[in-house]
Amino acid sequence: MSFVQTLGHTLLASMFISGGSSTFINPDGRATKVEQAGIPLARQAVIVNGATMVVAGTALAVGFLPKLAALALLGTLIPTTVVGHPYWQETTPQGRAGQQIHFNKNVAMIGGLLLVLLEK
């Protein structure tokens, strides 16, 4: 793997490691949103999601099975994006703008993970 690929993987993974560890350690705030979305065992789902992000993010960062890590991260990021940042439900312009930024950031990260899947 080239230096640029390694750097790209590490930078992409950093968001998952950071966000996942925060979620794993402090799941309650996110669990409320997940519960409101109708997902059963919300707190446990949030903890598993955070742990998966840390493990798969670390694997991506160190180059261990990067495609499998990217798939796992896609599996966590897609529901996180839809449940965690529903900007279309926001009633204030500030709330909508803030959630839309996070939604778009996650969509960009999905794009980065898709690129990892295309690497040779």
N, C-alpha and C. Protein backbone atom coordinates (compact mmCIF):
# COMPACT_ATOMS: atom_id res chain seq x y z
N MET A 1 0.85 -1.18 0.00
CA MET A 1 0.00 0.00 0.00
C MET A 1 0.89 1.24 0.00
N SER A 2 0.50 2.23 -0.76
CA SER A 2 1.30 3.45 -0.87
C SER A 2 1.17 4.30 0.39
N PHE A 3 2.08 5.23 0.51
CA PHE A 3 2.05 6.16 1.65
C PHE A 3 0.74 6.95 1.66
N VAL A 4 0.31 7.39 0.48
CA VAL A 4 -0.92 8.19 0.39
C VAL A 4 -2.14 7.36 0.80
N GLN A 5 -2.19 6.09 0.39
CA GLN A 5 -3.30 5.23 0.81
C GLN A 5 -3.28 5.03 2.32
N THR A 6 -2.12 4.76 2.86
CA THR A 6 -1.99 4.57 4.30
C THR A 6 -2.43 5.82 5.05
N LEU A 7 -1.99 6.97 4.60
CA LEU A 7 -2.38 8.23 5.21
C LEU A 7 -3.89 8.43 5.10
N GLY A 8 -4.44 8.18 3.92
CA GLY A 8 -5.88 8.33 3.71
C GLY A 8 -6.68 7.42 4.62
N HIS A 9 -6.25 6.17 4.74
CA HIS A 9 -6.95 5.23 5.62
C HIS A 9 -6.89 5.71 7.07
N THR A 10 -5.73 6.17 7.47
CA THR A 10 -5.55 6.62 8.86
C THR A 10 -6.41 7.84 9.16
N LEU A 11 -6.42 8.78 8.24
CA LEU A 11 -7.23 9.99 8.45
C LEU A 11 -8.73 9.65 8.48
N LEU A 12 -9.16 8.78 7.57
CA LEU A 12 -10.56 8.38 7.54
C LEU A 12 -10.92 7.62 8.81
N ALA A 13 -10.04 6.74 9.24
CA ALA A 13 -10.29 5.93 10.43
C ALA A 13 -10.34 6.76 11.70
N SER A 14 -9.62 7.86 11.73
CA SER A 14 -9.55 8.67 12.95
C SER A 14 -10.92 9.12 13.43
N MET A 15 -11.79 9.44 12.51
CA MET A 15 -13.14 9.88 12.87
C MET A 15 -13.93 8.75 13.52
N PHE A 16 -13.76 7.54 13.01
CA PHE A 16 -14.48 6.39 13.57
C PHE A 16 -13.93 6.01 14.95
N ILE A 17 -12.62 6.05 15.09
CA ILE A 17 -12.01 5.72 16.38
C ILE A 17 -12.43 6.73 17.44
N SER A 18 -12.37 7.99 17.10
CA SER A 18 -12.74 9.06 18.03
C SER A 18 -14.24 9.01 18.36
N GLY A 19 -15.06 9.02 17.34
CA GLY A 19 -16.50 9.02 17.56
C GLY A 19 -16.99 7.73 18.19
N GLY A 20 -16.43 6.61 17.77
CA GLY A 20 -16.83 5.32 18.31
C GLY A 20 -16.49 5.18 19.78
N SER A 21 -15.30 5.64 20.16
CA SER A 21 -14.92 5.54 21.57
C SER A 21 -15.79 6.44 22.43
N SER A 22 -16.09 7.63 21.94
CA SER A 22 -16.98 8.53 22.67
C SER A 22 -18.36 7.91 22.85
N THR A 23 -18.87 7.29 21.80
CA THR A 23 -20.17 6.64 21.84
C THR A 23 -20.17 5.45 22.80
N PHE A 24 -19.10 4.67 22.75
CA PHE A 24 -18.99 3.49 23.61
C PHE A 24 -18.95 3.89 25.08
N ILE A 25 -18.20 4.94 25.39
CA ILE A 25 -18.03 5.38 26.78
C ILE A 25 -19.26 6.10 27.31
N ASN A 26 -19.90 6.90 26.48
CA ASN A 26 -21.08 7.69 26.88
C ASN A 26 -22.24 7.43 25.93
N PRO A 27 -22.90 6.29 26.02
CA PRO A 27 -23.93 5.94 25.04
C PRO A 27 -25.31 6.57 25.27
N ASP A 28 -25.55 7.09 26.45
CA ASP A 28 -26.92 7.45 26.81
C ASP A 28 -27.57 8.52 25.94
N GLY A 29 -26.85 9.57 25.60
CA GLY A 29 -27.43 10.63 24.76
C GLY A 29 -27.84 10.11 23.40
N ARG A 30 -26.99 9.31 22.81
CA ARG A 30 -27.30 8.74 21.50
C ARG A 30 -28.39 7.68 21.61
N ALA A 31 -28.39 6.95 22.71
CA ALA A 31 -29.39 5.89 22.90
C ALA A 31 -30.80 6.47 22.90
N THR A 32 -30.97 7.67 23.42
CA THR A 32 -32.29 8.30 23.42
C THR A 32 -32.78 8.52 22.00
N LYS A 33 -31.89 9.01 21.13
CA LYS A 33 -32.26 9.22 19.72
C LYS A 33 -32.58 7.90 19.03
N VAL A 34 -31.79 6.90 19.32
CA VAL A 34 -31.98 5.58 18.71
C VAL A 34 -33.30 4.98 19.18
N GLU A 35 -33.60 5.15 20.45
CA GLU A 35 -34.87 4.65 20.99
C GLU A 35 -36.05 5.36 20.33
N GLN A 36 -35.93 6.67 20.14
CA GLN A 36 -36.99 7.44 19.50
C GLN A 36 -37.21 7.01 18.04
N ALA A 37 -36.16 6.46 17.43
CA ALA A 37 -36.28 5.97 16.06
C ALA A 37 -36.93 4.58 16.00
N GLY A 38 -37.21 4.01 17.18
CA GLY A 38 -37.90 2.74 17.23
C GLY A 38 -37.00 1.52 17.18
N ILE A 39 -35.72 1.71 17.40
CA ILE A 39 -34.77 0.59 17.39
C ILE A 39 -34.77 -0.06 18.76
N PRO A 40 -35.01 -1.39 18.80
CA PRO A 40 -35.05 -2.06 20.10
C PRO A 40 -33.67 -2.15 20.74
N LEU A 41 -33.65 -2.29 22.06
CA LEU A 41 -32.39 -2.38 22.81
C LEU A 41 -31.45 -1.25 22.41
N ALA A 42 -31.96 -0.05 22.45
CA ALA A 42 -31.25 1.12 21.93
C ALA A 42 -29.88 1.31 22.56
N ARG A 43 -29.78 1.24 23.86
CA ARG A 43 -28.49 1.47 24.53
C ARG A 43 -27.47 0.43 24.10
N GLN A 44 -27.88 -0.83 24.06
CA GLN A 44 -26.98 -1.90 23.64
C GLN A 44 -26.57 -1.72 22.18
N ALA A 45 -27.52 -1.31 21.34
CA ALA A 45 -27.21 -1.09 19.92
C ALA A 45 -26.17 0.02 19.76
N VAL A 46 -26.31 1.07 20.55
CA VAL A 46 -25.37 2.19 20.49
C VAL A 46 -23.98 1.74 20.96
N ILE A 47 -23.92 0.96 22.01
CA ILE A 47 -22.63 0.47 22.51
C ILE A 47 -21.96 -0.43 21.47
N VAL A 48 -22.72 -1.33 20.87
CA VAL A 48 -22.15 -2.22 19.84
C VAL A 48 -21.70 -1.40 18.64
N ASN A 49 -22.49 -0.41 18.25
CA ASN A 49 -22.12 0.45 17.14
C ASN A 49 -20.80 1.16 17.43
N GLY A 50 -20.67 1.73 18.61
CA GLY A 50 -19.44 2.43 18.98
C GLY A 50 -18.25 1.50 19.02
N ALA A 51 -18.42 0.31 19.59
CA ALA A 51 -17.32 -0.65 19.67
C ALA A 51 -16.90 -1.10 18.28
N THR A 52 -17.87 -1.32 17.40
CA THR A 52 -17.56 -1.72 16.03
C THR A 52 -16.76 -0.63 15.32
N MET A 53 -17.15 0.62 15.54
CA MET A 53 -16.41 1.72 14.92
C MET A 53 -14.96 1.76 15.39
N VAL A 54 -14.75 1.53 16.68
CA VAL A 54 -13.38 1.55 17.22
C VAL A 54 -12.56 0.41 16.64
N VAL A 55 -13.10 -0.79 16.67
CA VAL A 55 -12.36 -1.96 16.20
C VAL A 55 -12.10 -1.88 14.69
N ALA A 56 -13.15 -1.62 13.93
CA ALA A 56 -12.98 -1.55 12.47
C ALA A 56 -12.16 -0.33 12.07
N GLY A 57 -12.33 0.78 12.77
CA GLY A 57 -11.52 1.96 12.48
C GLY A 57 -10.04 1.71 12.73
N THR A 58 -9.75 1.03 13.82
CA THR A 58 -8.35 0.68 14.13
C THR A 58 -7.79 -0.26 13.07
N ALA A 59 -8.58 -1.24 12.66
CA ALA A 59 -8.14 -2.17 11.62
C ALA A 59 -7.85 -1.42 10.32
N LEU A 60 -8.71 -0.49 9.96
CA LEU A 60 -8.49 0.31 8.75
C LEU A 60 -7.22 1.14 8.88
N ALA A 61 -7.03 1.75 10.03
CA ALA A 61 -5.87 2.63 10.24
C ALA A 61 -4.56 1.87 10.14
N VAL A 62 -4.52 0.63 10.61
CA VAL A 62 -3.27 -0.13 10.59
C VAL A 62 -3.15 -1.03 9.37
N GLY A 63 -4.17 -1.01 8.51
CA GLY A 63 -4.10 -1.78 7.27
C GLY A 63 -4.42 -3.26 7.43
N PHE A 64 -5.13 -3.63 8.49
CA PHE A 64 -5.50 -5.02 8.72
C PHE A 64 -6.88 -5.27 8.10
N LEU A 65 -6.92 -6.08 7.05
CA LEU A 65 -8.17 -6.37 6.34
C LEU A 65 -8.98 -5.10 6.07
N PRO A 66 -8.39 -4.16 5.34
CA PRO A 66 -9.04 -2.86 5.17
C PRO A 66 -10.40 -2.91 4.48
N LYS A 67 -10.60 -3.84 3.56
CA LYS A 67 -11.91 -3.91 2.90
C LYS A 67 -12.98 -4.42 3.84
N LEU A 68 -12.64 -5.39 4.65
CA LEU A 68 -13.59 -5.89 5.65
C LEU A 68 -13.88 -4.79 6.67
N ALA A 69 -12.85 -4.07 7.08
CA ALA A 69 -13.04 -2.95 8.01
C ALA A 69 -13.95 -1.90 7.39
N ALA A 70 -13.74 -1.58 6.12
CA ALA A 70 -14.59 -0.58 5.44
C ALA A 70 -16.04 -1.05 5.38
N LEU A 71 -16.25 -2.33 5.11
CA LEU A 71 -17.62 -2.86 5.09
C LEU A 71 -18.28 -2.74 6.46
N ALA A 72 -17.54 -3.09 7.50
CA ALA A 72 -18.09 -2.97 8.87
C ALA A 72 -18.42 -1.51 9.18
N LEU A 73 -17.54 -0.61 8.77
CA LEU A 73 -17.78 0.81 9.04
C LEU A 73 -18.98 1.32 8.25
N LEU A 74 -19.14 0.86 7.03
CA LEU A 74 -20.34 1.22 6.26
C LEU A 74 -21.59 0.74 6.98
N GLY A 75 -21.52 -0.46 7.54
CA GLY A 75 -22.66 -1.01 8.27
C GLY A 75 -23.03 -0.22 9.50
N THR A 76 -22.06 0.48 10.08
CA THR A 76 -22.36 1.32 11.24
C THR A 76 -22.74 2.74 10.82
N LEU A 77 -22.10 3.23 9.78
CA LEU A 77 -22.26 4.64 9.42
C LEU A 77 -23.59 4.95 8.75
N ILE A 78 -24.09 4.05 7.95
CA ILE A 78 -25.35 4.32 7.26
C ILE A 78 -26.50 4.53 8.25
N PRO A 79 -26.73 3.59 9.18
CA PRO A 79 -27.81 3.87 10.15
C PRO A 79 -27.50 5.05 11.07
N THR A 80 -26.24 5.23 11.41
CA THR A 80 -25.86 6.37 12.25
C THR A 80 -26.22 7.68 11.56
N THR A 81 -26.01 7.75 10.27
CA THR A 81 -26.29 8.96 9.51
C THR A 81 -27.78 9.25 9.45
N VAL A 82 -28.57 8.23 9.16
CA VAL A 82 -30.01 8.42 9.02
C VAL A 82 -30.67 8.70 10.37
N VAL A 83 -30.31 7.94 11.40
CA VAL A 83 -30.93 8.11 12.72
C VAL A 83 -30.35 9.31 13.46
N GLY A 84 -29.06 9.53 13.34
CA GLY A 84 -28.39 10.55 14.13
C GLY A 84 -28.46 11.96 13.58
N HIS A 85 -28.70 12.08 12.27
CA HIS A 85 -28.65 13.43 11.68
C HIS A 85 -29.81 13.67 10.71
N PRO A 86 -31.05 13.49 11.16
CA PRO A 86 -32.19 13.70 10.27
C PRO A 86 -32.52 15.19 10.12
N TYR A 87 -31.72 15.86 9.34
CA TYR A 87 -31.85 17.32 9.21
C TYR A 87 -33.22 17.72 8.68
N TRP A 88 -33.86 16.84 7.94
CA TRP A 88 -35.18 17.13 7.38
C TRP A 88 -36.26 17.23 8.44
N GLN A 89 -35.96 16.77 9.66
CA GLN A 89 -36.93 16.86 10.76
C GLN A 89 -36.71 18.09 11.63
N GLU A 90 -35.65 18.81 11.41
CA GLU A 90 -35.34 19.98 12.23
C GLU A 90 -36.31 21.11 11.94
N THR A 91 -36.68 21.82 12.99
CA THR A 91 -37.68 22.89 12.83
C THR A 91 -37.06 24.28 12.80
N THR A 92 -35.80 24.41 13.22
CA THR A 92 -35.16 25.72 13.18
C THR A 92 -34.08 25.73 12.10
N PRO A 93 -33.83 26.89 11.51
CA PRO A 93 -32.78 26.96 10.49
C PRO A 93 -31.40 26.56 11.03
N GLN A 94 -31.11 26.95 12.28
CA GLN A 94 -29.81 26.60 12.88
C GLN A 94 -29.70 25.10 13.10
N GLY A 95 -30.76 24.51 13.63
CA GLY A 95 -30.76 23.06 13.86
C GLY A 95 -30.64 22.29 12.56
N ARG A 96 -31.37 22.75 11.55
CA ARG A 96 -31.33 22.09 10.24
C ARG A 96 -29.93 22.19 9.64
N ALA A 97 -29.34 23.37 9.70
CA ALA A 97 -28.00 23.57 9.12
C ALA A 97 -26.97 22.71 9.84
N GLY A 98 -27.03 22.65 11.15
CA GLY A 98 -26.07 21.85 11.91
C GLY A 98 -26.19 20.38 11.59
N GLN A 99 -27.42 19.87 11.57
CA GLN A 99 -27.61 18.45 11.26
C GLN A 99 -27.25 18.14 9.81
N GLN A 100 -27.51 19.07 8.92
CA GLN A 100 -27.19 18.84 7.51
C GLN A 100 -25.67 18.77 7.31
N ILE A 101 -24.93 19.58 8.03
CA ILE A 101 -23.46 19.51 7.96
C ILE A 101 -22.99 18.12 8.40
N HIS A 102 -23.50 17.62 9.52
CA HIS A 102 -23.09 16.31 10.01
C HIS A 102 -23.54 15.20 9.05
N PHE A 103 -24.73 15.32 8.51
CA PHE A 103 -25.23 14.35 7.54
C PHE A 103 -24.31 14.31 6.32
N ASN A 104 -23.98 15.47 5.79
CA ASN A 104 -23.12 15.54 4.60
C ASN A 104 -21.70 15.06 4.90
N LYS A 105 -21.20 15.33 6.10
CA LYS A 105 -19.89 14.81 6.50
C LYS A 105 -19.90 13.30 6.49
N ASN A 106 -20.96 12.71 7.01
CA ASN A 106 -21.06 11.26 7.02
C ASN A 106 -21.18 10.70 5.61
N VAL A 107 -21.92 11.38 4.75
CA VAL A 107 -22.03 10.94 3.36
C VAL A 107 -20.65 10.97 2.69
N ALA A 108 -19.86 11.99 2.98
CA ALA A 108 -18.50 12.06 2.44
C ALA A 108 -17.64 10.91 2.97
N MET A 109 -17.82 10.56 4.23
CA MET A 109 -17.07 9.43 4.80
C MET A 109 -17.52 8.12 4.16
N ILE A 110 -18.79 7.99 3.84
CA ILE A 110 -19.28 6.82 3.12
C ILE A 110 -18.56 6.73 1.77
N GLY A 111 -18.41 7.87 1.11
CA GLY A 111 -17.67 7.89 -0.15
C GLY A 111 -16.23 7.42 0.02
N GLY A 112 -15.57 7.86 1.09
CA GLY A 112 -14.21 7.42 1.36
C GLY A 112 -14.14 5.92 1.59
N LEU A 113 -15.11 5.38 2.31
CA LEU A 113 -15.13 3.93 2.56
C LEU A 113 -15.38 3.16 1.27
N LEU A 114 -16.22 3.69 0.40
CA LEU A 114 -16.43 3.04 -0.89
C LEU A 114 -15.15 3.01 -1.72
N LEU A 115 -14.38 4.08 -1.63
CA LEU A 115 -13.09 4.09 -2.34
C LEU A 115 -12.14 3.02 -1.79
N VAL A 116 -12.17 2.81 -0.48
CA VAL A 116 -11.34 1.75 0.10
C VAL A 116 -11.74 0.40 -0.50
N LEU A 117 -13.03 0.18 -0.69
CA LEU A 117 -13.49 -1.08 -1.27
C LEU A 117 -13.01 -1.28 -2.71
N LEU A 118 -12.72 -0.19 -3.41
CA LEU A 118 -12.27 -0.29 -4.80
C LEU A 118 -10.77 -0.43 -4.95
N GLU A 119 -10.03 -0.29 -3.87
CA GLU A 119 -8.57 -0.37 -3.94
C GLU A 119 -8.13 -1.78 -4.31
N LYS A 120 -7.00 -1.83 -5.00
CA LYS A 120 -6.45 -3.14 -5.38
C LYS A 120 -5.41 -3.59 -4.39
